[in-house]
C-alpha cells in the first residue's frame, strides 16, 4: 500500500485529535481513489497504534501532512 513519497496524497488537519485526523485521512484517501480495503487496513493500523506519536507516524508514512498556516 505504501506509495512513493512524491505520490502521497496531501492532507491537512484542523484538530490535534487523532480520530478527527483519521477521518480526514479517510476522506482524502477516498478522493484519491484508494481501494476500500486499503482504507480499512490503514484505519485499523492507526486505531491499534500504541501512542499518538505512533499513529501520526503511520499517517505520515502514507500522507504528506501539510503544515498549519500561521
N, C-alpha and C. Protein backbone atom coordinates (compact mmCIF):
# COMPACT_ATOMS: atom_id res chain seq x y z
N UNK A 1 0.82 -1.19 0.00
CA UNK A 1 0.00 0.00 0.00
C UNK A 1 0.87 1.25 0.00
N UNK A 2 2.03 1.22 0.58
CA UNK A 2 2.85 2.42 0.70
C UNK A 2 3.23 2.94 -0.68
N UNK A 3 2.90 4.19 -0.93
CA UNK A 3 3.18 4.82 -2.21
C UNK A 3 4.56 5.47 -2.17
N UNK A 4 5.04 5.82 -3.37
CA UNK A 4 6.27 6.59 -3.42
C UNK A 4 6.04 7.92 -2.71
N UNK A 5 7.07 8.47 -2.12
CA UNK A 5 6.93 9.70 -1.34
C UNK A 5 6.26 10.79 -2.17
N UNK A 6 6.64 10.95 -3.42
CA UNK A 6 6.09 12.01 -4.26
C UNK A 6 4.61 11.77 -4.56
N UNK A 7 4.15 10.53 -4.46
CA UNK A 7 2.77 10.20 -4.81
C UNK A 7 1.82 10.20 -3.62
N UNK A 8 2.33 10.54 -2.44
CA UNK A 8 1.46 10.53 -1.26
C UNK A 8 0.44 11.65 -1.35
N UNK A 9 -0.83 11.36 -1.04
CA UNK A 9 -1.83 12.43 -1.01
C UNK A 9 -1.51 13.43 0.09
N UNK A 10 -1.85 14.67 -0.15
CA UNK A 10 -1.61 15.73 0.83
C UNK A 10 -2.85 15.89 1.70
N UNK A 11 -2.63 15.96 3.01
CA UNK A 11 -3.73 16.12 3.96
C UNK A 11 -3.36 17.22 4.96
N UNK A 12 -4.37 17.96 5.39
CA UNK A 12 -4.15 18.96 6.43
C UNK A 12 -5.17 18.74 7.53
N UNK A 13 -4.84 19.21 8.72
CA UNK A 13 -5.68 18.96 9.87
C UNK A 13 -6.04 20.26 10.57
N UNK A 14 -7.27 20.34 11.06
CA UNK A 14 -7.72 21.48 11.85
C UNK A 14 -7.70 21.16 13.34
N UNK A 15 -7.50 19.89 13.67
CA UNK A 15 -7.57 19.45 15.06
C UNK A 15 -6.37 18.56 15.38
N UNK A 16 -6.00 18.52 16.65
CA UNK A 16 -4.96 17.60 17.10
C UNK A 16 -5.53 16.23 17.47
N UNK A 17 -6.84 16.11 17.49
CA UNK A 17 -7.50 14.86 17.85
C UNK A 17 -7.21 13.79 16.80
N UNK A 18 -6.65 12.66 17.23
CA UNK A 18 -6.23 11.62 16.29
C UNK A 18 -7.41 11.02 15.54
N UNK A 19 -8.58 10.93 16.17
CA UNK A 19 -9.75 10.35 15.50
C UNK A 19 -10.23 11.28 14.39
N UNK A 20 -10.19 12.59 14.65
CA UNK A 20 -10.56 13.57 13.63
C UNK A 20 -9.56 13.54 12.49
N UNK A 21 -8.29 13.38 12.83
CA UNK A 21 -7.26 13.29 11.80
C UNK A 21 -7.45 12.04 10.95
N UNK A 22 -7.79 10.93 11.58
CA UNK A 22 -8.03 9.70 10.83
C UNK A 22 -9.19 9.89 9.85
N UNK A 23 -10.25 10.53 10.28
CA UNK A 23 -11.40 10.77 9.40
C UNK A 23 -11.00 11.63 8.20
N UNK A 24 -10.17 12.64 8.43
CA UNK A 24 -9.67 13.48 7.33
C UNK A 24 -8.86 12.64 6.35
N UNK A 25 -8.02 11.77 6.87
CA UNK A 25 -7.21 10.89 6.01
C UNK A 25 -8.09 9.98 5.17
N UNK A 26 -9.14 9.43 5.76
CA UNK A 26 -10.03 8.54 5.02
C UNK A 26 -10.73 9.29 3.90
N UNK A 27 -11.13 10.52 4.14
CA UNK A 27 -11.78 11.33 3.10
C UNK A 27 -10.82 11.59 1.95
N UNK A 28 -9.59 11.98 2.28
CA UNK A 28 -8.58 12.24 1.26
C UNK A 28 -8.25 10.96 0.49
N UNK A 29 -8.13 9.85 1.20
CA UNK A 29 -7.83 8.58 0.54
C UNK A 29 -8.93 8.21 -0.46
N UNK A 30 -10.19 8.36 -0.06
CA UNK A 30 -11.30 8.08 -1.00
C UNK A 30 -11.21 8.98 -2.23
N UNK A 31 -10.92 10.27 -1.98
CA UNK A 31 -10.84 11.24 -3.09
C UNK A 31 -9.69 10.89 -4.05
N UNK A 32 -8.66 10.25 -3.53
CA UNK A 32 -7.51 9.86 -4.36
C UNK A 32 -7.65 8.45 -4.94
N UNK A 33 -8.81 7.85 -4.75
CA UNK A 33 -9.08 6.57 -5.38
C UNK A 33 -8.49 5.35 -4.72
N UNK A 34 -8.17 5.44 -3.43
CA UNK A 34 -7.68 4.26 -2.73
C UNK A 34 -8.76 3.19 -2.75
N UNK A 35 -8.34 1.96 -2.83
CA UNK A 35 -9.27 0.84 -2.75
C UNK A 35 -9.84 0.79 -1.33
N UNK A 36 -11.14 0.49 -1.18
CA UNK A 36 -11.74 0.44 0.16
C UNK A 36 -11.00 -0.46 1.14
N UNK A 37 -10.46 -1.57 0.66
CA UNK A 37 -9.71 -2.46 1.56
C UNK A 37 -8.43 -1.80 2.08
N UNK A 38 -7.80 -0.97 1.24
CA UNK A 38 -6.60 -0.25 1.69
C UNK A 38 -6.96 0.77 2.76
N UNK A 39 -8.10 1.43 2.61
CA UNK A 39 -8.55 2.39 3.61
C UNK A 39 -8.85 1.69 4.93
N UNK A 40 -9.49 0.55 4.86
CA UNK A 40 -9.80 -0.23 6.06
C UNK A 40 -8.51 -0.65 6.76
N UNK A 41 -7.56 -1.18 5.99
CA UNK A 41 -6.29 -1.62 6.57
C UNK A 41 -5.55 -0.45 7.22
N UNK A 42 -5.48 0.69 6.53
CA UNK A 42 -4.84 1.88 7.07
C UNK A 42 -5.52 2.32 8.36
N UNK A 43 -6.84 2.36 8.36
CA UNK A 43 -7.60 2.79 9.54
C UNK A 43 -7.34 1.88 10.73
N UNK A 44 -7.34 0.58 10.49
CA UNK A 44 -7.08 -0.38 11.56
C UNK A 44 -5.67 -0.19 12.13
N UNK A 45 -4.72 0.06 11.24
CA UNK A 45 -3.34 0.26 11.69
C UNK A 45 -3.23 1.49 12.60
N UNK A 46 -3.91 2.57 12.23
CA UNK A 46 -3.89 3.78 13.05
C UNK A 46 -4.61 3.51 14.38
N UNK A 47 -5.74 2.83 14.32
CA UNK A 47 -6.53 2.59 15.53
C UNK A 47 -5.81 1.72 16.56
N UNK A 48 -4.98 0.81 16.12
CA UNK A 48 -4.30 -0.07 17.08
C UNK A 48 -2.92 0.46 17.48
N UNK A 49 -2.56 1.62 16.97
CA UNK A 49 -1.26 2.22 17.33
C UNK A 49 -1.17 2.38 18.84
N UNK A 50 0.01 2.18 19.36
CA UNK A 50 0.25 2.23 20.80
C UNK A 50 0.12 3.64 21.36
N UNK A 51 0.51 4.63 20.56
CA UNK A 51 0.52 6.00 21.05
C UNK A 51 0.11 6.96 19.94
N UNK A 52 -0.12 8.20 20.34
CA UNK A 52 -0.43 9.26 19.38
C UNK A 52 0.73 9.40 18.39
N UNK A 53 1.94 9.36 18.87
CA UNK A 53 3.12 9.51 18.03
C UNK A 53 3.20 8.38 17.00
N UNK A 54 2.92 7.16 17.44
CA UNK A 54 2.94 6.02 16.52
C UNK A 54 1.85 6.17 15.47
N UNK A 55 0.66 6.60 15.89
CA UNK A 55 -0.44 6.80 14.95
C UNK A 55 -0.07 7.86 13.91
N UNK A 56 0.56 8.95 14.36
CA UNK A 56 0.97 10.01 13.44
C UNK A 56 2.07 9.53 12.49
N UNK A 57 2.95 8.67 12.96
CA UNK A 57 3.99 8.11 12.09
C UNK A 57 3.36 7.29 10.97
N UNK A 58 2.31 6.55 11.27
CA UNK A 58 1.61 5.77 10.26
C UNK A 58 0.96 6.71 9.25
N UNK A 59 0.31 7.75 9.75
CA UNK A 59 -0.32 8.73 8.86
C UNK A 59 0.73 9.38 7.96
N UNK A 60 1.85 9.79 8.55
CA UNK A 60 2.90 10.46 7.78
C UNK A 60 3.58 9.53 6.79
N UNK A 61 3.52 8.24 7.02
CA UNK A 61 4.08 7.28 6.07
C UNK A 61 3.25 7.26 4.78
N UNK A 62 1.93 7.42 4.91
CA UNK A 62 1.03 7.29 3.77
C UNK A 62 0.59 8.62 3.17
N UNK A 63 0.70 9.70 3.95
CA UNK A 63 0.22 11.02 3.51
C UNK A 63 1.30 12.07 3.70
N UNK A 64 1.27 13.07 2.85
CA UNK A 64 2.08 14.26 3.05
C UNK A 64 1.24 15.19 3.92
N UNK A 65 1.69 15.45 5.12
CA UNK A 65 0.93 16.25 6.06
C UNK A 65 1.29 17.72 5.87
N UNK A 66 0.30 18.52 5.50
CA UNK A 66 0.51 19.95 5.31
C UNK A 66 0.70 20.63 6.66
N UNK A 67 1.67 21.49 6.73
CA UNK A 67 1.91 22.23 7.96
C UNK A 67 0.87 23.33 8.11
N UNK A 68 0.41 23.56 9.35
CA UNK A 68 -0.61 24.61 9.56
C UNK A 68 -0.06 25.98 9.22
N UNK A 69 -0.94 26.82 8.73
CA UNK A 69 -0.55 28.20 8.41
C UNK A 69 -0.51 29.01 9.69
N UNK A 70 0.33 30.03 9.66
CA UNK A 70 0.32 30.94 10.78
C UNK A 70 1.52 31.04 11.54
